Amino acid sequence: MDNLGHNVVVHDGCDHIFFVGFLGAGKSTLARNLGELFHRTYVDTDHMVELSLGKRVVQIFEEDGEDAFREAETRALKRLELRKSLLVSCGGGIVERPENCALMHEMGVVVFLDGDLEDSLRQIQCPERRPDLGDRDNAERVYAYRRPLYEQTADITIDIRNKSFTEVAAASGQLLWERGLL
């Protein structure tokens, strides 16, 4: 790791930080805010998929199916191998493919934002844009299925229960900085 001054730390090799967690956990907002604070570029895998396929996530699910979305998600992850020092907000289902988990570990560190289903459901402002969420029963099934996958994939787990976004951002930034990741 080289410190070039200007409050920017440059690491050797691929050193991304991948934020995973259930829908509504605040992954995108956290990646964006930490990126601005620590002068790191942030990207969102869902947005990358939308750009590559020229459709919104909802359209992809409706017109092409979830498998097509997941394939595009894996391709998006592979494109990150050519870049350095990104903060990556991952779609909620990225951990469903072992290949994706392996790719994230090859390229950096995986941070699980661990919250309750109730918190996530409260945070989701546009549920119609979350095609894998469905109704309450489906959301519970998806959450129960993905939670152990997040836990298995995580290098670092940050408990976001009963915390404001400001508290989560401060704790995350401090922890990642102390570990030399930011």
Protein backbone atom coordinates (compact mmCIF):
# COMPACT_ATOMS: atom_id res chain seq x y z
CA MET A 1 0.00 0.00 0.00
CA ASP A 2 1.37 3.40 -0.99
CA ASN A 3 0.21 6.69 0.45
CA LEU A 4 0.37 9.32 -2.26
CA GLY A 5 -0.69 12.16 -0.01
CA HIS A 6 -3.83 14.18 -0.66
CA ASN A 7 -5.68 11.84 1.77
CA VAL A 8 -5.79 9.11 -0.86
CA VAL A 9 -4.48 5.62 -0.18
CA VAL A 10 -3.60 3.49 -3.20
CA HIS A 11 -3.37 -0.26 -2.68
CA ASP A 12 -1.47 -2.73 -4.80
CA GLY A 13 -3.59 -5.13 -6.83
CA CYS A 14 -7.35 -5.32 -7.00
CA ASP A 15 -8.67 -4.02 -3.69
CA HIS A 16 -12.38 -3.39 -3.99
CA ILE A 17 -14.77 -3.28 -1.06
CA PHE A 18 -18.03 -5.07 -1.87
CA PHE A 19 -21.11 -4.18 0.18
CA VAL A 20 -23.67 -6.97 0.37
CA GLY A 21 -26.93 -7.30 2.25
CA PHE A 22 -30.65 -7.51 1.81
CA LEU A 23 -32.70 -5.01 -0.16
CA GLY A 24 -32.97 -1.70 1.65
CA ALA A 25 -29.86 -2.22 3.80
CA GLY A 26 -28.34 1.04 2.52
CA LYS A 27 -25.52 -0.47 0.45
CA SER A 28 -25.66 2.11 -2.35
CA THR A 29 -25.95 5.09 -0.04
CA LEU A 30 -23.09 3.83 2.13
CA ALA A 31 -20.80 3.15 -0.85
CA ARG A 32 -21.55 6.58 -2.33
CA ASN A 33 -21.02 8.44 0.96
CA LEU A 34 -17.82 6.57 1.87
CA GLY A 35 -16.59 7.15 -1.68
CA GLU A 36 -17.08 10.88 -1.33
CA LEU A 37 -15.53 10.95 2.14
CA PHE A 38 -12.48 8.82 1.27
CA HIS A 39 -12.06 9.88 -2.38
CA ARG A 40 -12.87 6.43 -3.76
CA THR A 41 -14.98 5.66 -6.79
CA TYR A 42 -18.20 3.79 -6.11
CA VAL A 43 -20.27 1.67 -8.45
CA ASP A 44 -23.56 -0.19 -8.18
CA THR A 45 -23.85 -3.63 -9.80
CA ASP A 46 -27.58 -3.21 -10.48
CA HIS A 47 -26.85 0.04 -12.33
CA MET A 48 -24.04 -1.64 -14.27
CA VAL A 49 -26.47 -4.38 -15.36
CA GLU A 50 -29.06 -1.80 -16.39
CA LEU A 51 -26.50 0.04 -18.50
CA SER A 52 -25.20 -3.12 -20.14
CA LEU A 53 -28.67 -4.40 -21.07
CA GLY A 54 -30.29 -1.02 -21.72
CA LYS A 55 -33.21 -1.80 -19.39
CA ARG A 56 -34.27 -1.19 -15.82
CA VAL A 57 -33.95 -4.13 -13.41
CA VAL A 58 -37.73 -4.58 -13.36
CA GLN A 59 -37.84 -4.81 -17.17
CA ILE A 60 -35.02 -7.34 -17.23
CA PHE A 61 -36.83 -9.57 -14.74
CA GLU A 62 -40.14 -9.23 -16.61
CA GLU A 63 -38.87 -9.55 -20.18
CA ASP A 64 -35.77 -11.73 -19.88
CA GLY A 65 -36.13 -13.44 -16.50
CA GLU A 66 -34.04 -13.57 -13.36
CA ASP A 67 -31.45 -15.92 -14.92
CA ALA A 68 -30.63 -13.31 -17.59
CA PHE A 69 -30.25 -10.69 -14.88
CA ARG A 70 -27.94 -12.94 -12.82
CA GLU A 71 -25.80 -13.69 -15.91
CA ALA A 72 -25.42 -9.97 -16.58
CA GLU A 73 -24.61 -9.40 -12.91
CA THR A 74 -21.75 -11.93 -13.09
CA ARG A 75 -20.43 -10.29 -16.28
CA ALA A 76 -20.56 -6.90 -14.50
CA LEU A 77 -18.50 -8.29 -11.61
CA LYS A 78 -15.92 -9.70 -14.02
CA ARG A 79 -15.50 -6.26 -15.59
CA LEU A 80 -14.43 -4.91 -12.20
CA GLU A 81 -11.26 -7.03 -12.33
CA LEU A 82 -9.75 -4.38 -14.60
CA ARG A 83 -10.26 -1.57 -12.08
CA LYS A 84 -8.79 -0.61 -8.70
CA SER A 85 -10.00 0.60 -5.33
CA LEU A 86 -13.74 0.65 -5.95
CA LEU A 87 -16.52 0.73 -3.39
CA VAL A 88 -19.10 -1.64 -4.87
CA SER A 89 -22.75 -1.71 -3.89
CA CYS A 90 -24.02 -5.17 -4.83
CA GLY A 91 -27.53 -6.21 -5.64
CA GLY A 92 -29.25 -8.15 -2.88
CA GLY A 93 -29.12 -11.46 -4.76
CA ILE A 94 -25.49 -11.36 -5.86
CA VAL A 95 -24.57 -13.96 -3.23
CA GLU A 96 -26.90 -16.54 -4.76
CA ARG A 97 -24.20 -17.54 -7.25
CA PRO A 98 -21.06 -19.11 -5.78
CA GLU A 99 -19.13 -17.78 -8.78
CA ASN A 100 -20.01 -14.23 -7.74
CA CYS A 101 -18.86 -14.84 -4.17
CA ALA A 102 -15.55 -16.23 -5.44
CA LEU A 103 -15.07 -13.25 -7.77
CA MET A 104 -15.68 -10.78 -4.96
CA HIS A 105 -13.14 -12.53 -2.72
CA GLU A 106 -10.56 -12.58 -5.53
CA MET A 107 -10.97 -8.84 -6.02
CA GLY A 108 -11.27 -7.56 -2.49
CA VAL A 109 -13.17 -7.64 0.78
CA VAL A 110 -16.87 -8.38 1.28
CA VAL A 111 -18.75 -6.34 3.88
CA PHE A 112 -22.17 -7.58 4.98
CA LEU A 113 -24.59 -4.92 6.21
CA ASP A 114 -26.57 -7.07 8.60
CA GLY A 115 -30.07 -5.88 9.37
CA ASP A 116 -33.51 -7.24 10.08
CA LEU A 117 -36.14 -7.87 7.43
CA GLU A 118 -38.43 -5.33 9.11
CA ASP A 119 -35.78 -2.62 8.81
CA SER A 120 -35.26 -3.43 5.15
CA LEU A 121 -38.95 -3.35 4.34
CA ARG A 122 -39.26 0.07 6.03
CA GLN A 123 -36.33 1.44 4.04
CA ILE A 124 -37.51 0.32 0.61
CA GLN A 125 -39.09 3.40 -0.92
CA CYS A 126 -40.02 1.92 -4.30
CA PRO A 127 -40.95 -1.75 -3.80
CA GLU A 128 -42.19 -1.93 -7.39
CA ARG A 129 -38.55 -1.53 -8.49
CA ARG A 130 -37.55 -4.63 -6.51
CA PRO A 131 -38.77 -7.54 -8.64
CA ASP A 132 -37.24 -10.20 -6.41
CA LEU A 133 -39.01 -8.85 -3.33
CA GLY A 134 -42.63 -9.67 -4.14
CA ASP A 135 -45.21 -9.78 -1.36
CA ARG A 136 -44.46 -10.08 2.35
CA ASP A 137 -44.37 -13.91 2.34
CA ASN A 138 -41.97 -13.96 -0.59
CA ALA A 139 -39.77 -11.29 1.03
CA GLU A 140 -39.54 -13.46 4.15
CA ARG A 141 -38.55 -16.52 2.08
CA VAL A 142 -35.95 -14.58 0.09
CA TYR A 143 -34.50 -13.05 3.27
CA ALA A 144 -34.33 -16.47 5.00
CA TYR A 145 -32.60 -17.96 1.96
CA ARG A 146 -30.07 -15.16 1.45
CA ARG A 147 -29.11 -14.38 5.05
CA PRO A 148 -26.86 -17.44 5.50
CA LEU A 149 -25.29 -16.71 2.11
CA TYR A 150 -24.41 -13.18 3.23
CA GLU A 151 -22.94 -14.54 6.46
CA GLN A 152 -20.85 -17.16 4.63
CA THR A 153 -19.57 -14.67 2.07
CA ALA A 154 -18.74 -11.83 4.45
CA ASP A 155 -15.20 -10.98 5.48
CA ILE A 156 -16.60 -8.24 7.72
CA THR A 157 -20.09 -7.96 9.19
CA ILE A 158 -21.51 -4.63 10.30
CA ASP A 159 -24.65 -4.75 12.41
CA ILE A 160 -26.99 -2.03 11.19
CA ARG A 161 -29.92 -2.86 13.49
CA ASN A 162 -31.34 0.09 15.42
CA LYS A 163 -28.72 2.46 14.01
CA SER A 164 -29.17 5.61 12.00
CA PHE A 165 -27.51 5.84 8.62
CA THR A 166 -25.03 8.34 10.10
CA GLU A 167 -24.06 5.84 12.81
CA VAL A 168 -23.64 3.03 10.25
CA ALA A 169 -21.56 5.24 7.95
CA ALA A 170 -19.30 6.42 10.79
CA ALA A 171 -18.78 2.91 12.19
CA SER A 172 -18.16 1.45 8.72
CA GLY A 173 -15.73 4.17 7.74
CA GLN A 174 -13.80 3.87 10.99
CA LEU A 175 -13.63 0.06 10.84
CA LEU A 176 -12.54 -0.02 7.19
CA TRP A 177 -9.98 2.76 7.78
CA GLU A 178 -8.52 1.01 10.83
CA ARG A 179 -8.11 -2.17 8.80
CA GLY A 180 -6.27 -0.26 6.08
CA LEU A 181 -9.00 -0.82 3.53
CA LEU A 182 -9.88 2.83 2.90
